[in-house]
Amino acid sequence: MHNWDPAQYLKFSDHRLRPALDLMAQIPLATCMVLWDLGCGPGNITQMLAERWPQAEASGFDSSPEMLAKARAIKDIAWVQGDIAQWNAPVPADLVFSNAALHWVPDHA
C-alpha cells in the first residue's frame, strides 16, 4: 500500500482542486440525501460536496490512515477506511463521487 502524506498532498491543492470543481459543476442533482466521496484523501473535496448538499449524509472513503486522520478534523462527515476495489454502498447513494482514485484500483477498466 502507498503511504500518503496529507501535508505534501495539500501543497498542490489548487492543482488537485480544479478538476474536482469542474466535475462537481457537471452534477445536475438538485437534492442529495446520501453521498460518498471515494478516494477522499484529506477530505477537502468531501467537505465541498457536503456544503453543496447540506442535507446529505456525507461519507468519505479512503485507504490511507494518514489521509483519514487529517480528514477527521472535518466534522459531520463519516470517514471510512477501506479498499476502494471492495467498496459497496451500505445504502443506496444519490451521489458517488471520485475525483482521482479509480485509476489506483488494479484492473480498473
PDB file of N, CA and C in Angstrom:
ATOM      1  N   MET A   1       0.849  -1.184   0.000  1.00  0.00           N
ATOM      2  CA  MET A   1       0.000   0.000   0.000  1.00  0.00           C
ATOM      3  C   MET A   1       0.888   1.239   0.000  1.00  0.00           C
ATOM      4  N   HIS A   2       0.468   2.233  -0.708  1.00  0.00           N
ATOM      5  CA  HIS A   2       1.170   3.502  -0.806  1.00  0.00           C
ATOM      6  C   HIS A   2       0.967   4.323   0.470  1.00  0.00           C
ATOM      7  N   ASN A   3       2.043   4.927   0.979  1.00  0.00           N
ATOM      8  CA  ASN A   3       1.901   5.836   2.123  1.00  0.00           C
ATOM      9  C   ASN A   3       1.655   7.240   1.596  1.00  0.00           C
ATOM     10  N   TRP A   4       0.637   7.884   2.123  1.00  0.00           N
ATOM     11  CA  TRP A   4       0.261   9.225   1.695  1.00  0.00           C
ATOM     12  C   TRP A   4       0.586  10.221   2.789  1.00  0.00           C
ATOM     13  N   ASP A   5       1.109  11.357   2.401  1.00  0.00           N
ATOM     14  CA  ASP A   5       1.421  12.445   3.330  1.00  0.00           C
ATOM     15  C   ASP A   5       0.440  13.578   3.056  1.00  0.00           C
ATOM     16  N   PRO A   6      -0.522  13.797   3.956  1.00  0.00           N
ATOM     17  CA  PRO A   6      -1.526  14.834   3.715  1.00  0.00           C
ATOM     18  C   PRO A   6      -0.920  16.223   3.504  1.00  0.00           C
ATOM     19  N   ALA A   7       0.142  16.551   4.237  1.00  0.00           N
ATOM     20  CA  ALA A   7       0.755  17.875   4.086  1.00  0.00           C
ATOM     21  C   ALA A   7       1.330  18.048   2.679  1.00  0.00           C
ATOM     22  N   GLN A   8       2.003  17.030   2.182  1.00  0.00           N
ATOM     23  CA  GLN A   8       2.572  17.087   0.830  1.00  0.00           C
ATOM     24  C   GLN A   8       1.450  17.136  -0.206  1.00  0.00           C
ATOM     25  N   TYR A   9       0.428  16.340   0.002  1.00  0.00           N
ATOM     26  CA  TYR A   9      -0.714  16.302  -0.904  1.00  0.00           C
ATOM     27  C   TYR A   9      -1.380  17.676  -0.998  1.00  0.00           C
ATOM     28  N   LEU A  10      -1.559  18.324   0.133  1.00  0.00           N
ATOM     29  CA  LEU A  10      -2.254  19.616   0.164  1.00  0.00           C
ATOM     30  C   LEU A  10      -1.395  20.770  -0.350  1.00  0.00           C
ATOM     31  N   LYS A  11      -0.068  20.571  -0.486  1.00  0.00           N
ATOM     32  CA  LYS A  11       0.777  21.614  -1.084  1.00  0.00           C
ATOM     33  C   LYS A  11       0.332  21.946  -2.503  1.00  0.00           C
ATOM     34  N   PHE A  12      -0.250  20.964  -3.154  1.00  0.00           N
ATOM     35  CA  PHE A  12      -0.686  21.136  -4.541  1.00  0.00           C
ATOM     36  C   PHE A  12      -2.202  21.140  -4.648  1.00  0.00           C
ATOM     37  N   SER A  13      -2.864  21.581  -3.577  1.00  0.00           N
ATOM     38  CA  SER A  13      -4.323  21.501  -3.541  1.00  0.00           C
ATOM     39  C   SER A  13      -4.992  22.324  -4.634  1.00  0.00           C
ATOM     40  N   ASP A  14      -4.395  23.454  -5.012  1.00  0.00           N
ATOM     41  CA  ASP A  14      -5.026  24.247  -6.067  1.00  0.00           C
ATOM     42  C   ASP A  14      -5.072  23.477  -7.382  1.00  0.00           C
ATOM     43  N   HIS A  15      -4.013  22.728  -7.700  1.00  0.00           N
ATOM     44  CA  HIS A  15      -3.994  21.926  -8.931  1.00  0.00           C
ATOM     45  C   HIS A  15      -4.938  20.732  -8.823  1.00  0.00           C
ATOM     46  N   ARG A  16      -5.022  20.142  -7.654  1.00  0.00           N
ATOM     47  CA  ARG A  16      -5.893  18.980  -7.461  1.00  0.00           C
ATOM     48  C   ARG A  16      -7.364  19.391  -7.384  1.00  0.00           C
ATOM     49  N   LEU A  17      -7.603  20.605  -6.949  1.00  0.00           N
ATOM     50  CA  LEU A  17      -8.972  21.070  -6.743  1.00  0.00           C
ATOM     51  C   LEU A  17      -9.686  21.400  -8.050  1.00  0.00           C
ATOM     52  N   ARG A  18      -8.979  21.930  -9.022  1.00  0.00           N
ATOM     53  CA  ARG A  18      -9.628  22.359 -10.270  1.00  0.00           C
ATOM     54  C   ARG A  18     -10.423  21.254 -10.959  1.00  0.00           C
ATOM     55  N   PRO A  19      -9.854  20.064 -11.170  1.00  0.00           N
ATOM     56  CA  PRO A  19     -10.658  19.015 -11.820  1.00  0.00           C
ATOM     57  C   PRO A  19     -11.864  18.599 -10.985  1.00  0.00           C
ATOM     58  N   ALA A  20     -11.706  18.591  -9.673  1.00  0.00           N
ATOM     59  CA  ALA A  20     -12.828  18.225  -8.801  1.00  0.00           C
ATOM     60  C   ALA A  20     -13.951  19.242  -8.917  1.00  0.00           C
ATOM     61  N   LEU A  21     -13.604  20.510  -8.948  1.00  0.00           N
ATOM     62  CA  LEU A  21     -14.625  21.550  -9.097  1.00  0.00           C
ATOM     63  C   LEU A  21     -15.301  21.461 -10.457  1.00  0.00           C
ATOM     64  N   ASP A  22     -14.515  21.183 -11.498  1.00  0.00           N
ATOM     65  CA  ASP A  22     -15.092  21.007 -12.831  1.00  0.00           C
ATOM     66  C   ASP A  22     -16.058  19.828 -12.846  1.00  0.00           C
ATOM     67  N   LEU A  23     -15.659  18.734 -12.202  1.00  0.00           N
ATOM     68  CA  LEU A  23     -16.519  17.559 -12.135  1.00  0.00           C
ATOM     69  C   LEU A  23     -17.783  17.858 -11.335  1.00  0.00           C
ATOM     70  N   MET A  24     -17.638  18.508 -10.190  1.00  0.00           N
ATOM     71  CA  MET A  24     -18.798  18.864  -9.367  1.00  0.00           C
ATOM     72  C   MET A  24     -19.779  19.744 -10.134  1.00  0.00           C
ATOM     73  N   ALA A  25     -19.267  20.636 -10.964  1.00  0.00           N
ATOM     74  CA  ALA A  25     -20.126  21.544 -11.725  1.00  0.00           C
ATOM     75  C   ALA A  25     -21.001  20.799 -12.731  1.00  0.00           C
ATOM     76  N   GLN A  26     -20.615  19.568 -13.072  1.00  0.00           N
ATOM     77  CA  GLN A  26     -21.379  18.782 -14.042  1.00  0.00           C
ATOM     78  C   GLN A  26     -22.469  17.928 -13.401  1.00  0.00           C
ATOM     79  N   ILE A  27     -22.559  17.961 -12.076  1.00  0.00           N
ATOM     80  CA  ILE A  27     -23.542  17.124 -11.374  1.00  0.00           C
ATOM     81  C   ILE A  27     -24.871  17.871 -11.304  1.00  0.00           C
ATOM     82  N   PRO A  28     -25.907  17.339 -11.946  1.00  0.00           N
ATOM     83  CA  PRO A  28     -27.178  18.062 -12.017  1.00  0.00           C
ATOM     84  C   PRO A  28     -28.143  17.796 -10.855  1.00  0.00           C
ATOM     85  N   LEU A  29     -27.698  17.203  -9.767  1.00  0.00           N
ATOM     86  CA  LEU A  29     -28.589  16.886  -8.652  1.00  0.00           C
ATOM     87  C   LEU A  29     -29.042  18.137  -7.916  1.00  0.00           C
ATOM     88  N   ALA A  30     -30.334  18.316  -7.817  1.00  0.00           N
ATOM     89  CA  ALA A  30     -30.874  19.425  -7.021  1.00  0.00           C
ATOM     90  C   ALA A  30     -30.844  19.063  -5.544  1.00  0.00           C
ATOM     91  N   THR A  31     -31.147  17.798  -5.258  1.00  0.00           N
ATOM     92  CA  THR A  31     -31.101  17.324  -3.875  1.00  0.00           C
ATOM     93  C   THR A  31     -30.294  16.040  -3.823  1.00  0.00           C
ATOM     94  N   CYS A  32     -29.729  15.810  -2.675  1.00  0.00           N
ATOM     95  CA  CYS A  32     -28.913  14.624  -2.459  1.00  0.00           C
ATOM     96  C   CYS A  32     -29.022  14.277  -0.980  1.00  0.00           C
ATOM     97  N   MET A  33     -29.427  13.060  -0.705  1.00  0.00           N
ATOM     98  CA  MET A  33     -29.590  12.649   0.687  1.00  0.00           C
ATOM     99  C   MET A  33     -28.433  11.785   1.186  1.00  0.00           C
ATOM    100  N   VAL A  34     -27.782  11.042   0.286  1.00  0.00           N
ATOM    101  CA  VAL A  34     -26.651  10.190   0.651  1.00  0.00           C
ATOM    102  C   VAL A  34     -25.570  10.375  -0.396  1.00  0.00           C
ATOM    103  N   LEU A  35     -24.387  10.777   0.047  1.00  0.00           N
ATOM    104  CA  LEU A  35     -23.278  10.936  -0.890  1.00  0.00           C
ATOM    105  C   LEU A  35     -22.024  10.288  -0.335  1.00  0.00           C
ATOM    106  N   TRP A  36     -21.235   9.765  -1.240  1.00  0.00           N
ATOM    107  CA  TRP A  36     -19.943   9.161  -0.927  1.00  0.00           C
ATOM    108  C   TRP A  36     -18.879   9.797  -1.804  1.00  0.00           C
ATOM    109  N   ASP A  37     -17.729  10.059  -1.203  1.00  0.00           N
ATOM    110  CA  ASP A  37     -16.554  10.510  -1.938  1.00  0.00           C
ATOM    111  C   ASP A  37     -15.518   9.398  -1.821  1.00  0.00           C
ATOM    112  N   LEU A  38     -15.309   8.683  -2.926  1.00  0.00           N
ATOM    113  CA  LEU A  38     -14.355   7.580  -2.933  1.00  0.00           C
ATOM    114  C   LEU A  38     -12.965   8.106  -3.255  1.00  0.00           C
ATOM    115  N   GLY A  39     -12.014   7.769  -2.387  1.00  0.00           N
ATOM    116  CA  GLY A  39     -10.663   8.314  -2.517  1.00  0.00           C
ATOM    117  C   GLY A  39     -10.641   9.734  -2.001  1.00  0.00           C
ATOM    118  N   CYS A  40     -11.250   9.939  -0.844  1.00  0.00           N
ATOM    119  CA  CYS A  40     -11.482  11.288  -0.308  1.00  0.00           C
ATOM    120  C   CYS A  40     -10.219  12.006   0.155  1.00  0.00           C
ATOM    121  N   GLY A  41      -9.108  11.283   0.334  1.00  0.00           N
ATOM    122  CA  GLY A  41      -7.883  11.935   0.773  1.00  0.00           C
ATOM    123  C   GLY A  41      -8.080  12.689   2.069  1.00  0.00           C
ATOM    124  N   PRO A  42      -7.580  13.918   2.148  1.00  0.00           N
ATOM    125  CA  PRO A  42      -7.676  14.685   3.388  1.00  0.00           C
ATOM    126  C   PRO A  42      -9.047  15.311   3.632  1.00  0.00           C
ATOM    127  N   GLY A  43     -10.010  15.069   2.744  1.00  0.00           N
ATOM    128  CA  GLY A  43     -11.385  15.464   2.997  1.00  0.00           C
ATOM    129  C   GLY A  43     -11.822  16.824   2.500  1.00  0.00           C
ATOM    130  N   ASN A  44     -10.941  17.594   1.901  1.00  0.00           N
ATOM    131  CA  ASN A  44     -11.317  18.944   1.491  1.00  0.00           C
ATOM    132  C   ASN A  44     -12.395  18.943   0.403  1.00  0.00           C
ATOM    133  N   ILE A  45     -12.325  18.010  -0.524  1.00  0.00           N
ATOM    134  CA  ILE A  45     -13.350  17.943  -1.566  1.00  0.00           C
ATOM    135  C   ILE A  45     -14.647  17.370  -0.998  1.00  0.00           C
ATOM    136  N   THR A  46     -14.533  16.403  -0.109  1.00  0.00           N
ATOM    137  CA  THR A  46     -15.719  15.848   0.546  1.00  0.00           C
ATOM    138  C   THR A  46     -16.470  16.952   1.281  1.00  0.00           C
ATOM    139  N   GLN A  47     -15.728  17.817   1.924  1.00  0.00           N
ATOM    140  CA  GLN A  47     -16.343  18.944   2.642  1.00  0.00           C
ATOM    141  C   GLN A  47     -17.110  19.843   1.669  1.00  0.00           C
ATOM    142  N   MET A  48     -16.554  20.091   0.497  1.00  0.00           N
ATOM    143  CA  MET A  48     -17.244  20.915  -0.502  1.00  0.00           C
ATOM    144  C   MET A  48     -18.519  20.239  -0.992  1.00  0.00           C
ATOM    145  N   LEU A  49     -18.456  18.923  -1.164  1.00  0.00           N
ATOM    146  CA  LEU A  49     -19.659  18.186  -1.555  1.00  0.00           C
ATOM    147  C   LEU A  49     -20.727  18.312  -0.472  1.00  0.00           C
ATOM    148  N   ALA A  50     -20.326  18.154   0.777  1.00  0.00           N
ATOM    149  CA  ALA A  50     -21.271  18.260   1.898  1.00  0.00           C
ATOM    150  C   ALA A  50     -21.843  19.674   2.013  1.00  0.00           C
ATOM    151  N   GLU A  51     -21.055  20.672   1.677  1.00  0.00           N
ATOM    152  CA  GLU A  51     -21.553  22.051   1.709  1.00  0.00           C
ATOM    153  C   GLU A  51     -22.527  22.305   0.561  1.00  0.00           C
ATOM    154  N   ARG A  52     -22.296  21.669  -0.591  1.00  0.00           N
ATOM    155  CA  ARG A  52     -23.219  21.847  -1.724  1.00  0.00           C
ATOM    156  C   ARG A  52     -24.564  21.191  -1.429  1.00  0.00           C
ATOM    157  N   TRP A  53     -24.538  20.028  -0.761  1.00  0.00           N
ATOM    158  CA  TRP A  53     -25.764  19.318  -0.395  1.00  0.00           C
ATOM    159  C   TRP A  53     -25.785  19.161   1.125  1.00  0.00           C
ATOM    160  N   PRO A  54     -26.112  20.223   1.840  1.00  0.00           N
ATOM    161  CA  PRO A  54     -26.027  20.195   3.307  1.00  0.00           C
ATOM    162  C   PRO A  54     -26.997  19.220   3.973  1.00  0.00           C
ATOM    163  N   GLN A  55     -28.049  18.824   3.293  1.00  0.00           N
ATOM    164  CA  GLN A  55     -28.991  17.873   3.868  1.00  0.00           C
ATOM    165  C   GLN A  55     -28.494  16.430   3.734  1.00  0.00           C
ATOM    166  N   ALA A  56     -27.443  16.209   2.968  1.00  0.00           N
ATOM    167  CA  ALA A  56     -26.967  14.852   2.690  1.00  0.00           C
ATOM    168  C   ALA A  56     -26.200  14.256   3.860  1.00  0.00           C
ATOM    169  N   GLU A  57     -26.332  12.954   3.980  1.00  0.00           N
ATOM    170  CA  GLU A  57     -25.462  12.176   4.854  1.00  0.00           C
ATOM    171  C   GLU A  57     -24.194  11.945   4.034  1.00  0.00           C
ATOM    172  N   ALA A  58     -23.124  12.646   4.381  1.00  0.00           N
ATOM    173  CA  ALA A  58     -21.890  12.619   3.589  1.00  0.00           C
ATOM    174  C   ALA A  58     -20.879  11.671   4.221  1.00  0.00           C
ATOM    175  N   SER A  59     -20.215  10.893   3.354  1.00  0.00           N
ATOM    176  CA  SER A  59     -19.181   9.963   3.795  1.00  0.00           C
ATOM    177  C   SER A  59     -17.988  10.053   2.864  1.00  0.00           C
ATOM    178  N   GLY A  60     -16.805  10.011   3.446  1.00  0.00           N
ATOM    179  CA  GLY A  60     -15.568   9.939   2.689  1.00  0.00           C
ATOM    180  C   GLY A  60     -14.929   8.584   2.895  1.00  0.00           C
ATOM    181  N   PHE A  61     -14.375   8.023   1.835  1.00  0.00           N
ATOM    182  CA  PHE A  61     -13.801   6.676   1.861  1.00  0.00           C
ATOM    183  C   PHE A  61     -12.400   6.736   1.299  1.00  0.00           C
ATOM    184  N   ASP A  62     -11.436   6.198   2.034  1.00  0.00           N
ATOM    185  CA  ASP A  62     -10.052   6.209   1.574  1.00  0.00           C
ATOM    186  C   ASP A  62      -9.305   5.043   2.208  1.00  0.00           C
ATOM    187  N   SER A  63      -8.231   4.630   1.569  1.00  0.00           N
ATOM    188  CA  SER A  63      -7.419   3.531   2.104  1.00  0.00           C
ATOM    189  C   SER A  63      -6.322   4.019   3.040  1.00  0.00           C
ATOM    190  N   SER A  64      -6.029   5.302   3.006  1.00  0.00           N
ATOM    191  CA  SER A  64      -4.892   5.842   3.754  1.00  0.00           C
ATOM    192  C   SER A  64      -5.281   6.293   5.161  1.00  0.00           C
ATOM    193  N   PRO A  65      -4.712   5.655   6.193  1.00  0.00           N
ATOM    194  CA  PRO A  65      -5.000   6.114   7.551  1.00  0.00           C
ATOM    195  C   PRO A  65      -4.481   7.535   7.803  1.00  0.00           C
ATOM    196  N   GLU A  66      -3.389   7.914   7.141  1.00  0.00           N
ATOM    197  CA  GLU A  66      -2.837   9.265   7.311  1.00  0.00           C
ATOM    198  C   GLU A  66      -3.776  10.312   6.736  1.00  0.00           C
ATOM    199  N   MET A  67      -4.318  10.047   5.568  1.00  0.00           N
ATOM    200  CA  MET A  67      -5.249  10.989   4.953  1.00  0.00           C
ATOM    201  C   MET A  67      -6.524  11.094   5.785  1.00  0.00           C
ATOM    202  N   LEU A  68      -7.034   9.975   6.250  1.00  0.00           N
ATOM    203  CA  LEU A  68      -8.256   9.996   7.040  1.00  0.00           C
ATOM    204  C   LEU A  68      -8.047  10.672   8.394  1.00  0.00           C
ATOM    205  N   ALA A  69      -6.842  10.563   8.952  1.00  0.00           N
ATOM    206  CA  ALA A  69      -6.559  11.265  10.209  1.00  0.00           C
ATOM    207  C   ALA A  69      -6.699  12.768  10.001  1.00  0.00           C
ATOM    208  N   LYS A  70      -6.235  13.271   8.873  1.00  0.00           N
ATOM    209  CA  LYS A  70      -6.392  14.687   8.531  1.00  0.00           C
ATOM    210  C   LYS A  70      -7.866  15.016   8.282  1.00  0.00           C
ATOM    211  N   ALA A  71      -8.552  14.148   7.545  1.00  0.00           N
ATOM    212  CA  ALA A  71      -9.960  14.383   7.199  1.00  0.00           C
ATOM    213  C   ALA A  71     -10.847  14.434   8.431  1.00  0.00           C
ATOM    214  N   ARG A  72     -10.525  13.660   9.438  1.00  0.00           N
ATOM    215  CA  ARG A  72     -11.386  13.584  10.631  1.00  0.00           C
ATOM    216  C   ARG A  72     -11.485  14.894  11.394  1.00  0.00           C
ATOM    217  N   ALA A  73     -10.642  15.856  11.063  1.00  0.00           N
ATOM    218  CA  ALA A  73     -10.768  17.193  11.660  1.00  0.00           C
ATOM    219  C   ALA A  73     -12.019  17.897  11.129  1.00  0.00           C
ATOM    220  N   ILE A  74     -12.543  17.423  10.010  1.00  0.00           N
ATOM    221  CA  ILE A  74     -13.766  17.981   9.422  1.00  0.00           C
ATOM    222  C   ILE A  74     -14.942  17.235  10.031  1.00  0.00           C
ATOM    223  N   LYS A  75     -15.787  17.941  10.711  1.00  0.00           N
ATOM    224  CA  LYS A  75     -16.905  17.344  11.444  1.00  0.00           C
ATOM    225  C   LYS A  75     -18.118  17.089  10.539  1.00  0.00           C
ATOM    226  N   ASP A  76     -19.020  16.280  11.043  1.00  0.00           N
ATOM    227  CA  ASP A  76     -20.306  15.979  10.409  1.00  0.00           C
ATOM    228  C   ASP A  76     -20.188  15.205   9.104  1.00  0.00           C
ATOM    229  N   ILE A  77     -19.055  14.554   8.901  1.00  0.00           N
ATOM    230  CA  ILE A  77     -18.861  13.674   7.754  1.00  0.00           C
ATOM    231  C   ILE A  77     -18.348  12.346   8.304  1.00  0.00           C
ATOM    232  N   ALA A  78     -18.885  11.243   7.808  1.00  0.00           N
ATOM    233  CA  ALA A  78     -18.409   9.924   8.223  1.00  0.00           C
ATOM    234  C   ALA A  78     -17.166   9.587   7.405  1.00  0.00           C
ATOM    235  N   TRP A  79     -16.107   9.224   8.066  1.00  0.00           N
ATOM    236  CA  TRP A  79     -14.846   8.881   7.409  1.00  0.00           C
ATOM    237  C   TRP A  79     -14.617   7.387   7.558  1.00  0.00           C
ATOM    238  N   VAL A  80     -14.442   6.702   6.432  1.00  0.00           N
ATOM    239  CA  VAL A  80     -14.351   5.251   6.425  1.00  0.00           C
ATOM    240  C   VAL A  80     -13.068   4.834   5.711  1.00  0.00           C
ATOM    241  N   GLN A  81     -12.325   3.935   6.354  1.00  0.00           N
ATOM    242  CA  GLN A  81     -11.116   3.400   5.738  1.00  0.00           C
ATOM    243  C   GLN A  81     -11.413   2.058   5.095  1.00  0.00           C
ATOM    244  N   GLY A  82     -10.879   1.855   3.902  1.00  0.00           N
ATOM    245  CA  GLY A  82     -11.057   0.576   3.238  1.00  0.00           C
ATOM    246  C   GLY A  82     -10.467   0.574   1.846  1.00  0.00           C
ATOM    247  N   ASP A  83     -10.597  -0.549   1.203  1.00  0.00           N
ATOM    248  CA  ASP A  83     -10.096  -0.770  -0.151  1.00  0.00           C
ATOM    249  C   ASP A  83     -11.200  -0.385  -1.135  1.00  0.00           C
ATOM    250  N   ILE A  84     -10.920   0.580  -1.974  1.00  0.00           N
ATOM    251  CA  ILE A  84     -11.929   1.069  -2.919  1.00  0.00           C
ATOM    252  C   ILE A  84     -12.411  -0.040  -3.863  1.00  0.00           C
ATOM    253  N   ALA A  85     -11.559  -1.015  -4.139  1.00  0.00           N
ATOM    254  CA  ALA A  85     -11.947  -2.120  -5.018  1.00  0.00           C
ATOM    255  C   ALA A  85     -13.007  -3.006  -4.364  1.00  0.00           C
ATOM    256  N   GLN A  86     -13.126  -2.934  -3.047  1.00  0.00           N
ATOM    257  CA  GLN A  86     -14.089  -3.750  -2.312  1.00  0.00           C
ATOM    258  C   GLN A  86     -15.292  -2.948  -1.828  1.00  0.00           C
ATOM    259  N   TRP A  87     -15.326  -1.654  -2.127  1.00  0.00           N
ATOM    260  CA  TRP A  87     -16.380  -0.780  -1.597  1.00  0.00           C
ATOM    261  C   TRP A  87     -17.731  -1.109  -2.201  1.00  0.00           C
ATOM    262  N   ASN A  88     -18.724  -1.090  -1.351  1.00  0.00           N
ATOM    263  CA  ASN A  88     -20.128  -1.165  -1.749  1.00  0.00           C
ATOM    264  C   ASN A  88     -20.897  -0.205  -0.866  1.00  0.00           C
ATOM    265  N   ALA A  89     -21.830   0.504  -1.437  1.00  0.00           N
ATOM    266  CA  ALA A  89     -22.635   1.421  -0.636  1.00  0.00           C
ATOM    267  C   ALA A  89     -23.483   0.618   0.340  1.00  0.00           C
ATOM    268  N   PRO A  90     -23.437   0.963   1.627  1.00  0.00           N
ATOM    269  CA  PRO A  90     -24.262   0.240   2.599  1.00  0.00           C
ATOM    270  C   PRO A  90     -25.753   0.513   2.428  1.00  0.00           C
ATOM    271  N   VAL A  91     -26.090   1.660   1.872  1.00  0.00           N
ATOM    272  CA  VAL A  91     -27.462   2.002   1.496  1.00  0.00           C
ATOM    273  C   VAL A  91     -27.377   2.662   0.123  1.00  0.00           C
ATOM    274  N   PRO A  92     -28.456   2.675  -0.645  1.00  0.00           N
ATOM    275  CA  PRO A  92     -28.402   3.335  -1.951  1.00  0.00           C
ATOM    276  C   PRO A  92     -27.945   4.790  -1.821  1.00  0.00           C
ATOM    277  N   ALA A  93     -27.039   5.193  -2.696  1.00  0.00           N
ATOM    278  CA  ALA A  93     -26.487   6.547  -2.667  1.00  0.00           C
ATOM    279  C   ALA A  93     -27.049   7.365  -3.819  1.00  0.00           C
ATOM    280  N   ASP A  94     -27.291   8.628  -3.547  1.00  0.00           N
ATOM    281  CA  ASP A  94     -27.700   9.553  -4.602  1.00  0.00           C
ATOM    282  C   ASP A  94     -26.510   9.998  -5.427  1.00  0.00           C
ATOM    283  N   LEU A  95     -25.340  10.048  -4.786  1.00  0.00           N
ATOM    284  CA  LEU A  95     -24.136  10.502  -5.469  1.00  0.00           C
ATOM    285  C   LEU A  95     -22.943   9.697  -4.984  1.00  0.00           C
ATOM    286  N   VAL A  96     -22.214   9.134  -5.945  1.00  0.00           N
ATOM    287  CA  VAL A  96     -20.921   8.507  -5.683  1.00  0.00           C
ATOM    288  C   VAL A  96     -19.918   9.315  -6.496  1.00  0.00           C
ATOM    289  N   PHE A  97     -19.044  10.012  -5.804  1.00  0.00           N
ATOM    290  CA  PHE A  97     -18.096  10.932  -6.417  1.00  0.00           C
ATOM    291  C   PHE A  97     -16.698  10.360  -6.257  1.00  0.00           C
ATOM    292  N   SER A  98     -15.894  10.471  -7.293  1.00  0.00           N
ATOM    293  CA  SER A  98     -14.481  10.086  -7.196  1.00  0.00           C
ATOM    294  C   SER A  98     -13.706  10.954  -8.160  1.00  0.00           C
ATOM    295  N   ASN A  99     -12.881  11.807  -7.615  1.00  0.00           N
ATOM    296  CA  ASN A  99     -12.137  12.741  -8.437  1.00  0.00           C
ATOM    297  C   ASN A  99     -10.889  12.116  -9.051  1.00  0.00           C
ATOM    298  N   ALA A 100     -10.091  11.441  -8.251  1.00  0.00           N
ATOM    299  CA  ALA A 100      -8.824  10.911  -8.762  1.00  0.00           C
ATOM    300  C   ALA A 100      -8.403   9.698  -7.945  1.00  0.00           C
ATOM    301  N   ALA A 101      -9.223   8.653  -7.994  1.00  0.00           N
ATOM    302  CA  ALA A 101      -8.891   7.471  -7.202  1.00  0.00           C
ATOM    303  C   ALA A 101      -9.038   6.171  -7.980  1.00  0.00           C
ATOM    304  N   LEU A 102      -9.956   6.119  -8.908  1.00  0.00           N
ATOM    305  CA  LEU A 102     -10.255   4.840  -9.546  1.00  0.00           C
ATOM    306  C   LEU A 102      -9.077   4.268 -10.331  1.00  0.00           C
ATOM    307  N   HIS A 103      -8.183   5.105 -10.795  1.00  0.00           N
ATOM    308  CA  HIS A 103      -7.018   4.599 -11.528  1.00  0.00           C
ATOM    309  C   HIS A 103      -6.046   3.842 -10.620  1.00  0.00           C
ATOM    310  N   TRP A 104      -6.195   3.962  -9.298  1.00  0.00           N
ATOM    311  CA  TRP A 104      -5.364   3.212  -8.353  1.00  0.00           C
ATOM    312  C   TRP A 104      -5.880   1.788  -8.167  1.00  0.00           C
ATOM    313  N   VAL A 105      -7.083   1.500  -8.612  1.00  0.00           N
ATOM    314  CA  VAL A 105      -7.667   0.167  -8.457  1.00  0.00           C
ATOM    315  C   VAL A 105      -7.073  -0.750  -9.520  1.00  0.00           C
ATOM    316  N   PRO A 106      -6.500  -1.877  -9.089  1.00  0.00           N
ATOM    317  CA  PRO A 106      -5.977  -2.825 -10.092  1.00  0.00           C
ATOM    318  C   PRO A 106      -7.083  -3.265 -11.036  1.00  0.00           C
ATOM    319  N   ASP A 107      -6.745  -3.406 -12.303  1.00  0.00           N
ATOM    320  CA  ASP A 107      -7.696  -3.819 -13.337  1.00  0.00           C
ATOM    321  C   ASP A 107      -8.940  -2.946 -13.344  1.00  0.00           C
ATOM    322  N   HIS A 108      -8.747  -1.639 -13.177  1.00  0.00           N
ATOM    323  CA  HIS A 108      -9.875  -0.714 -13.041  1.00  0.00           C
ATOM    324  C   HIS A 108     -10.744  -0.600 -14.287  1.00  0.00           C
ATOM    325  N   ALA A 109     -10.252  -0.994 -15.404  1.00  0.00           N
ATOM    326  CA  ALA A 109     -11.091  -0.907 -16.610  1.00  0.00           C
ATOM    327  C   ALA A 109     -12.322  -1.770 -16.452  1.00  0.00           C
TER     328      ALA A 109
END
